[in-house]
Amino acid sequence: MSGEKENRLPGAHGRSDAEGAMRDLGGLSKWVMAARPRTLPAAVVPVIVGLSLARRFRPLDPLVAAATLAAALLIQIGTNYANDYYDFVSGADVPGRLGPTRITQAGLATPSAVKRAAFASLGLAAAIGLYLVAKGGWPILLVGVASLASALAYSAGPYPLASLGLGDLFVFIFFGLVAVNGAVYLQGAPLGALSLLASLPVACLVTAILVVNNVRDIPTDAQAGKRTLAVRLGERAGRLEYYVLVAGAYLALVPLWKAAGAGVMLALLSAPVALAEARAFSVRRGAALNQSLAGTARLHLIFGLLLALGLLL
């Protein structure tokens, strides 16, 4: 792509020891880092919950289950790579950014290489999606096209979803409602009130992960003109959104209990983790919020696994 910045932005902060170590390790390590493995449960949990719900109605098709999980992971990885690339070339990754290392900004990979990795990941997801479309028909085709388009539209194009303040809604819908219900549908299990209720707490917690990211980045996003919902509403409202989403995940268990039985209340065992993360989030500022990012992803995983187990009881 002509005009791409193949080197680091002038004035970008120096590489940390961690970045230098990544360069020394080379090849695979930097791509693993750029995939943001700590955030990947955001793709895994909705599928696991959907599969557990489907199992209540019929035996699972293991090949379809594996393909669903692989496609979800590849879409998330592709989204992460695309975000790494597009935030750099748009200037959204300003010097002094507090989040985890972006390999484009850090000079660990050229923009063109990161762009190719993003499209390769999404291309593999699309290839797997063809098999899923053969199993699930046109509804899965529509969902797949929308998911792939949104993965790029999140940070790309003249009106990125994140900069329009729509990133939270995108994550809630696609990494929550769509992912859970899509996994149920692909297994031939019925969709309805039960599958919707099961997807709500998953959607709440996966969105909370994004909220931490956006609250941390309010100063640098505002400087770069990236108007996320947190930038638009302010830090206080952004933090309030986090608490509402975490509390909403647990409140959603009440109607789900009535629809699916008491087993789903196993997810309450994660409440001490949620309380600890909420307290920590209330006092952390700046780069310390990276700990809340990892902690909220961990909460999402623990809650989701307990919920999936409860749905099987």
Protein backbone atom coordinates (compact mmCIF):
# COMPACT_ATOMS: atom_id res chain seq x y z
CA MET A 1 0.00 0.00 0.00
CA SER A 2 1.57 3.27 -1.09
CA GLY A 3 2.11 5.83 1.62
CA GLU A 4 2.21 3.30 4.47
CA LYS A 5 4.60 4.09 7.27
CA GLU A 6 7.09 1.25 7.24
CA ASN A 7 8.96 2.56 10.28
CA ARG A 8 8.00 3.73 13.70
CA LEU A 9 6.34 7.11 14.10
CA PRO A 10 8.88 9.85 14.72
CA GLY A 11 9.06 10.64 18.39
CA ALA A 12 7.46 7.35 19.48
CA HIS A 13 8.63 6.28 22.89
CA GLY A 14 11.66 3.97 23.04
CA ARG A 15 11.28 0.23 23.00
CA SER A 16 10.93 -1.40 26.39
CA ASP A 17 13.04 -4.33 27.47
CA ALA A 18 10.05 -6.55 26.68
CA GLU A 19 9.91 -5.22 23.13
CA GLY A 20 13.64 -5.76 22.71
CA ALA A 21 13.27 -9.31 23.96
CA MET A 22 10.50 -9.91 21.46
CA ARG A 23 12.74 -8.72 18.63
CA ASP A 24 15.44 -11.10 19.81
CA LEU A 25 12.98 -13.99 19.96
CA GLY A 26 11.83 -13.06 16.47
CA GLY A 27 9.25 -14.68 14.21
CA LEU A 28 6.41 -16.39 15.99
CA SER A 29 6.71 -14.63 19.34
CA LYS A 30 5.82 -11.18 18.07
CA TRP A 31 2.79 -12.49 16.21
CA VAL A 32 1.59 -14.31 19.31
CA MET A 33 1.99 -11.08 21.25
CA ALA A 34 0.09 -9.11 18.59
CA ALA A 35 -2.75 -11.65 18.72
CA ARG A 36 -3.21 -10.63 22.38
CA PRO A 37 -3.60 -14.11 23.83
CA ARG A 38 -4.97 -12.77 27.12
CA THR A 39 -8.01 -11.44 25.28
CA LEU A 40 -8.73 -14.60 23.28
CA PRO A 41 -11.11 -16.03 25.91
CA ALA A 42 -13.46 -13.34 24.59
CA ALA A 43 -13.82 -15.53 21.48
CA VAL A 44 -13.73 -18.89 23.26
CA VAL A 45 -16.24 -18.31 26.06
CA PRO A 46 -19.29 -17.47 23.89
CA VAL A 47 -18.77 -20.60 21.80
CA ILE A 48 -18.32 -22.82 24.86
CA VAL A 49 -21.50 -21.43 26.44
CA GLY A 50 -23.40 -21.89 23.18
CA LEU A 51 -22.20 -25.47 22.82
CA SER A 52 -23.18 -26.28 26.41
CA LEU A 53 -26.64 -24.89 25.82
CA ALA A 54 -27.00 -26.85 22.56
CA ARG A 55 -25.99 -30.03 24.38
CA ARG A 56 -29.13 -29.73 26.51
CA PHE A 57 -31.15 -30.50 23.37
CA ARG A 58 -29.03 -32.90 21.33
CA PRO A 59 -25.57 -34.50 21.03
CA LEU A 60 -22.93 -32.15 19.69
CA ASP A 61 -21.37 -32.42 16.25
CA PRO A 62 -17.67 -32.26 17.23
CA LEU A 63 -16.44 -31.16 13.79
CA VAL A 64 -18.92 -28.29 13.64
CA ALA A 65 -18.01 -27.36 17.21
CA ALA A 66 -14.29 -27.29 16.40
CA ALA A 67 -14.89 -25.25 13.23
CA THR A 68 -17.05 -22.76 15.13
CA LEU A 69 -14.37 -22.29 17.77
CA ALA A 70 -11.60 -21.96 15.18
CA ALA A 71 -13.53 -19.37 13.16
CA ALA A 72 -14.29 -17.33 16.28
CA LEU A 73 -10.64 -17.34 17.34
CA LEU A 74 -9.42 -16.37 13.88
CA ILE A 75 -11.89 -13.49 13.67
CA GLN A 76 -10.68 -12.17 17.03
CA ILE A 77 -7.02 -12.56 16.07
CA GLY A 78 -7.68 -10.89 12.72
CA THR A 79 -9.48 -8.04 14.50
CA ASN A 80 -6.51 -7.59 16.84
CA TYR A 81 -4.04 -7.51 13.96
CA ALA A 82 -6.24 -5.10 12.02
CA ASN A 83 -6.52 -2.85 15.05
CA ASP A 84 -2.73 -2.93 15.43
CA TYR A 85 -2.28 -1.90 11.80
CA TYR A 86 -5.10 0.61 11.27
CA ASP A 87 -4.57 2.45 14.55
CA PHE A 88 -0.94 2.93 13.53
CA VAL A 89 -1.50 4.17 9.99
CA SER A 90 -4.37 6.44 11.11
CA GLY A 91 -2.22 7.98 13.84
CA ALA A 92 -4.43 6.70 16.66
CA ASP A 93 -1.45 4.94 18.27
CA VAL A 94 0.17 8.10 19.55
CA PRO A 95 3.47 8.24 21.45
CA GLY A 96 2.96 7.47 25.11
CA ARG A 97 0.18 4.96 24.55
CA LEU A 98 -0.35 2.97 27.76
CA GLY A 99 -1.72 -0.31 26.46
CA PRO A 100 0.04 -3.57 25.66
CA THR A 101 2.74 -3.38 22.98
CA ARG A 102 1.51 -2.88 19.42
CA ILE A 103 4.03 -4.51 17.12
CA THR A 104 3.52 -1.97 14.32
CA GLN A 105 4.05 1.03 16.56
CA ALA A 106 6.98 -0.66 18.34
CA GLY A 107 8.73 -1.34 15.03
CA LEU A 108 8.63 -5.11 15.56
CA ALA A 109 6.86 -5.65 12.22
CA THR A 110 6.21 -3.48 9.19
CA PRO A 111 2.70 -2.14 8.66
CA SER A 112 2.35 -4.14 5.44
CA ALA A 113 3.27 -7.37 7.24
CA VAL A 114 0.70 -6.72 9.98
CA LYS A 115 -1.92 -5.88 7.39
CA ARG A 116 -1.22 -9.16 5.57
CA ALA A 117 -1.50 -11.06 8.85
CA ALA A 118 -4.88 -9.46 9.55
CA PHE A 119 -6.28 -10.38 6.15
CA ALA A 120 -4.75 -13.88 6.31
CA SER A 121 -6.44 -14.52 9.67
CA LEU A 122 -9.79 -13.25 8.45
CA GLY A 123 -9.34 -15.18 5.20
CA LEU A 124 -8.81 -18.43 7.11
CA ALA A 125 -11.90 -17.63 9.16
CA ALA A 126 -13.84 -17.16 5.93
CA ALA A 127 -12.56 -20.46 4.55
CA ILE A 128 -13.72 -22.29 7.67
CA GLY A 129 -16.93 -20.30 7.42
CA LEU A 130 -17.71 -21.90 4.06
CA TYR A 131 -17.97 -25.25 5.83
CA LEU A 132 -20.19 -23.71 8.50
CA VAL A 133 -22.39 -22.13 5.83
CA ALA A 134 -22.81 -25.57 4.25
CA LYS A 135 -24.02 -26.80 7.64
CA GLY A 136 -26.09 -23.80 8.71
CA GLY A 137 -27.29 -22.23 5.47
CA TRP A 138 -27.86 -18.60 4.57
CA PRO A 139 -28.32 -17.30 8.15
CA ILE A 140 -24.71 -18.32 8.88
CA LEU A 141 -23.59 -16.71 5.62
CA LEU A 142 -25.15 -13.42 6.70
CA VAL A 143 -23.67 -13.66 10.19
CA GLY A 144 -20.26 -14.55 8.81
CA VAL A 145 -20.16 -11.69 6.32
CA ALA A 146 -21.32 -9.23 8.98
CA SER A 147 -18.73 -10.52 11.46
CA LEU A 148 -15.86 -10.26 9.00
CA ALA A 149 -16.94 -6.81 7.83
CA SER A 150 -17.27 -5.59 11.41
CA ALA A 151 -13.84 -6.99 12.30
CA LEU A 152 -12.34 -4.57 9.76
CA ALA A 153 -14.82 -1.73 10.28
CA TYR A 154 -13.98 -1.64 13.99
CA SER A 155 -10.78 0.31 13.30
CA ALA A 156 -10.63 0.73 9.49
CA GLY A 157 -12.23 2.97 6.96
CA PRO A 158 -13.20 6.64 7.08
CA TYR A 159 -15.67 6.02 9.93
CA PRO A 160 -14.27 3.28 12.21
CA LEU A 161 -16.82 1.86 14.64
CA ALA A 162 -14.50 2.48 17.58
CA SER A 163 -14.09 6.16 16.67
CA LEU A 164 -17.85 6.54 16.29
CA GLY A 165 -18.37 5.31 19.84
CA LEU A 166 -19.98 2.10 18.54
CA GLY A 167 -17.24 -0.33 19.57
CA ASP A 168 -19.00 -1.31 22.79
CA LEU A 169 -22.21 -2.11 20.92
CA PHE A 170 -20.28 -4.07 18.28
CA VAL A 171 -18.57 -6.23 20.91
CA PHE A 172 -21.80 -6.76 22.87
CA ILE A 173 -23.61 -7.96 19.75
CA PHE A 174 -20.96 -9.95 17.89
CA PHE A 175 -18.84 -11.35 20.73
CA GLY A 176 -21.87 -11.89 22.94
CA LEU A 177 -25.31 -12.35 21.42
CA VAL A 178 -24.29 -13.51 17.94
CA ALA A 179 -21.45 -15.78 19.05
CA VAL A 180 -23.51 -17.68 21.64
CA ASN A 181 -26.64 -17.99 19.51
CA GLY A 182 -24.62 -18.82 16.41
CA ALA A 183 -22.95 -21.74 18.19
CA VAL A 184 -26.38 -22.99 19.31
CA TYR A 185 -27.86 -22.67 15.82
CA LEU A 186 -24.98 -24.48 14.13
CA GLN A 187 -25.59 -27.49 16.34
CA GLY A 188 -29.21 -27.65 15.23
CA ALA A 189 -30.54 -26.68 18.66
CA PRO A 190 -33.46 -24.27 18.98
CA LEU A 191 -32.99 -20.52 19.34
CA GLY A 192 -35.27 -18.55 21.57
CA ALA A 193 -35.60 -16.90 24.96
CA LEU A 194 -33.25 -19.41 26.61
CA SER A 195 -30.38 -18.88 24.16
CA LEU A 196 -30.86 -15.10 24.36
CA LEU A 197 -30.78 -15.17 28.15
CA ALA A 198 -27.66 -17.34 28.13
CA SER A 199 -25.90 -14.88 25.82
CA LEU A 200 -26.62 -11.76 27.89
CA PRO A 201 -24.13 -12.29 30.75
CA VAL A 202 -21.47 -13.33 28.25
CA ALA A 203 -22.11 -10.15 26.25
CA CYS A 204 -21.91 -8.00 29.37
CA LEU A 205 -18.55 -9.32 30.52
CA VAL A 206 -16.89 -9.35 27.11
CA THR A 207 -17.92 -5.71 26.67
CA ALA A 208 -16.50 -4.91 30.10
CA ILE A 209 -13.09 -6.01 28.80
CA LEU A 210 -13.31 -3.40 26.06
CA VAL A 211 -14.45 -0.74 28.52
CA VAL A 212 -11.28 -1.19 30.58
CA ASN A 213 -9.22 -0.78 27.43
CA ASN A 214 -11.07 2.37 26.42
CA VAL A 215 -11.02 3.99 29.87
CA ARG A 216 -7.26 3.44 30.05
CA ASP A 217 -6.80 5.03 26.63
CA ILE A 218 -9.02 8.10 27.11
CA PRO A 219 -6.12 10.62 27.13
CA THR A 220 -4.29 9.21 24.11
CA ASP A 221 -7.47 8.42 22.16
CA ALA A 222 -8.73 11.97 22.70
CA GLN A 223 -5.35 13.32 21.58
CA ALA A 224 -5.53 11.22 18.40
CA GLY A 225 -9.16 12.12 17.68
CA LYS A 226 -10.36 8.56 18.33
CA ARG A 227 -13.73 9.20 19.95
CA THR A 228 -14.59 5.94 21.67
CA LEU A 229 -17.64 5.83 23.91
CA ALA A 230 -15.36 6.37 26.91
CA VAL A 231 -13.90 9.49 25.30
CA ARG A 232 -17.37 10.79 24.49
CA LEU A 233 -18.84 10.13 27.93
CA GLY A 234 -15.76 10.77 30.06
CA GLU A 235 -13.83 8.65 32.52
CA ARG A 236 -16.43 8.72 35.28
CA ALA A 237 -19.20 7.47 32.98
CA GLY A 238 -16.83 4.93 31.43
CA ARG A 239 -16.08 3.48 34.84
CA LEU A 240 -19.79 3.44 35.66
CA GLU A 241 -20.41 1.50 32.44
CA TYR A 242 -17.93 -1.13 33.63
CA TYR A 243 -19.73 -1.59 36.96
CA VAL A 244 -23.13 -1.77 35.23
CA LEU A 245 -21.90 -4.43 32.81
CA VAL A 246 -20.32 -6.59 35.52
CA ALA A 247 -23.38 -6.29 37.75
CA GLY A 248 -25.62 -6.94 34.73
CA ALA A 249 -23.89 -10.26 34.07
CA TYR A 250 -24.85 -11.51 37.51
CA LEU A 251 -28.35 -10.03 37.44
CA ALA A 252 -28.93 -11.83 34.13
CA LEU A 253 -28.50 -15.12 35.97
CA VAL A 254 -31.87 -14.64 37.71
CA PRO A 255 -34.12 -14.98 34.62
CA LEU A 256 -31.71 -17.58 33.23
CA TRP A 257 -32.13 -19.61 36.43
CA LYS A 258 -35.89 -19.64 35.88
CA ALA A 259 -35.45 -20.74 32.26
CA ALA A 260 -32.58 -23.22 32.59
CA GLY A 261 -32.58 -24.37 36.19
CA ALA A 262 -30.46 -23.78 39.27
CA GLY A 263 -27.30 -25.18 37.69
CA VAL A 264 -26.51 -21.83 36.04
CA MET A 265 -26.06 -20.32 39.49
CA LEU A 266 -22.67 -22.03 39.57
CA ALA A 267 -21.51 -18.85 37.86
CA LEU A 268 -22.00 -17.08 41.20
CA LEU A 269 -18.81 -18.79 42.38
CA SER A 270 -16.97 -16.21 40.30
CA ALA A 271 -18.49 -13.33 42.30
CA PRO A 272 -15.42 -12.89 44.59
CA VAL A 273 -13.28 -12.43 41.50
CA ALA A 274 -15.75 -9.86 40.15
CA LEU A 275 -15.76 -7.92 43.43
CA ALA A 276 -11.97 -7.92 43.57
CA GLU A 277 -11.71 -6.69 39.99
CA ALA A 278 -14.33 -3.99 40.53
CA ARG A 279 -12.51 -2.69 43.61
CA ALA A 280 -9.16 -2.73 41.80
CA PHE A 281 -10.64 -0.98 38.76
CA SER A 282 -11.95 1.82 40.96
CA VAL A 283 -8.45 2.82 42.09
CA ARG A 284 -6.24 1.96 39.13
CA ARG A 285 -5.17 4.63 36.71
CA GLY A 286 -3.02 4.75 33.61
CA ALA A 287 -0.85 1.75 32.78
CA ALA A 288 -2.04 -0.03 35.94
CA LEU A 289 -5.33 -0.59 34.10
CA ASN A 290 -3.54 -3.20 32.00
CA GLN A 291 -3.86 -5.39 35.10
CA SER A 292 -7.62 -4.76 35.10
CA LEU A 293 -7.73 -5.64 31.41
CA ALA A 294 -6.16 -9.04 32.11
CA GLY A 295 -8.22 -9.48 35.27
CA THR A 296 -11.53 -8.76 33.55
CA ALA A 297 -10.64 -11.20 30.77
CA ARG A 298 -9.91 -13.77 33.48
CA LEU A 299 -13.27 -13.04 35.14
CA HIS A 300 -15.00 -13.50 31.78
CA LEU A 301 -13.33 -16.87 31.34
CA ILE A 302 -14.09 -18.14 34.87
CA PHE A 303 -17.70 -16.94 34.73
CA GLY A 304 -18.19 -18.42 31.27
CA LEU A 305 -16.78 -21.84 32.14
CA LEU A 306 -18.90 -22.04 35.28
CA LEU A 307 -21.98 -20.98 33.32
CA ALA A 308 -21.24 -23.57 30.62
CA LEU A 309 -20.91 -26.26 33.27
CA GLY A 310 -24.13 -25.14 34.93
CA LEU A 311 -26.01 -25.38 31.64
CA LEU A 312 -25.02 -29.02 31.39
CA LEU A 313 -26.46 -29.90 34.81
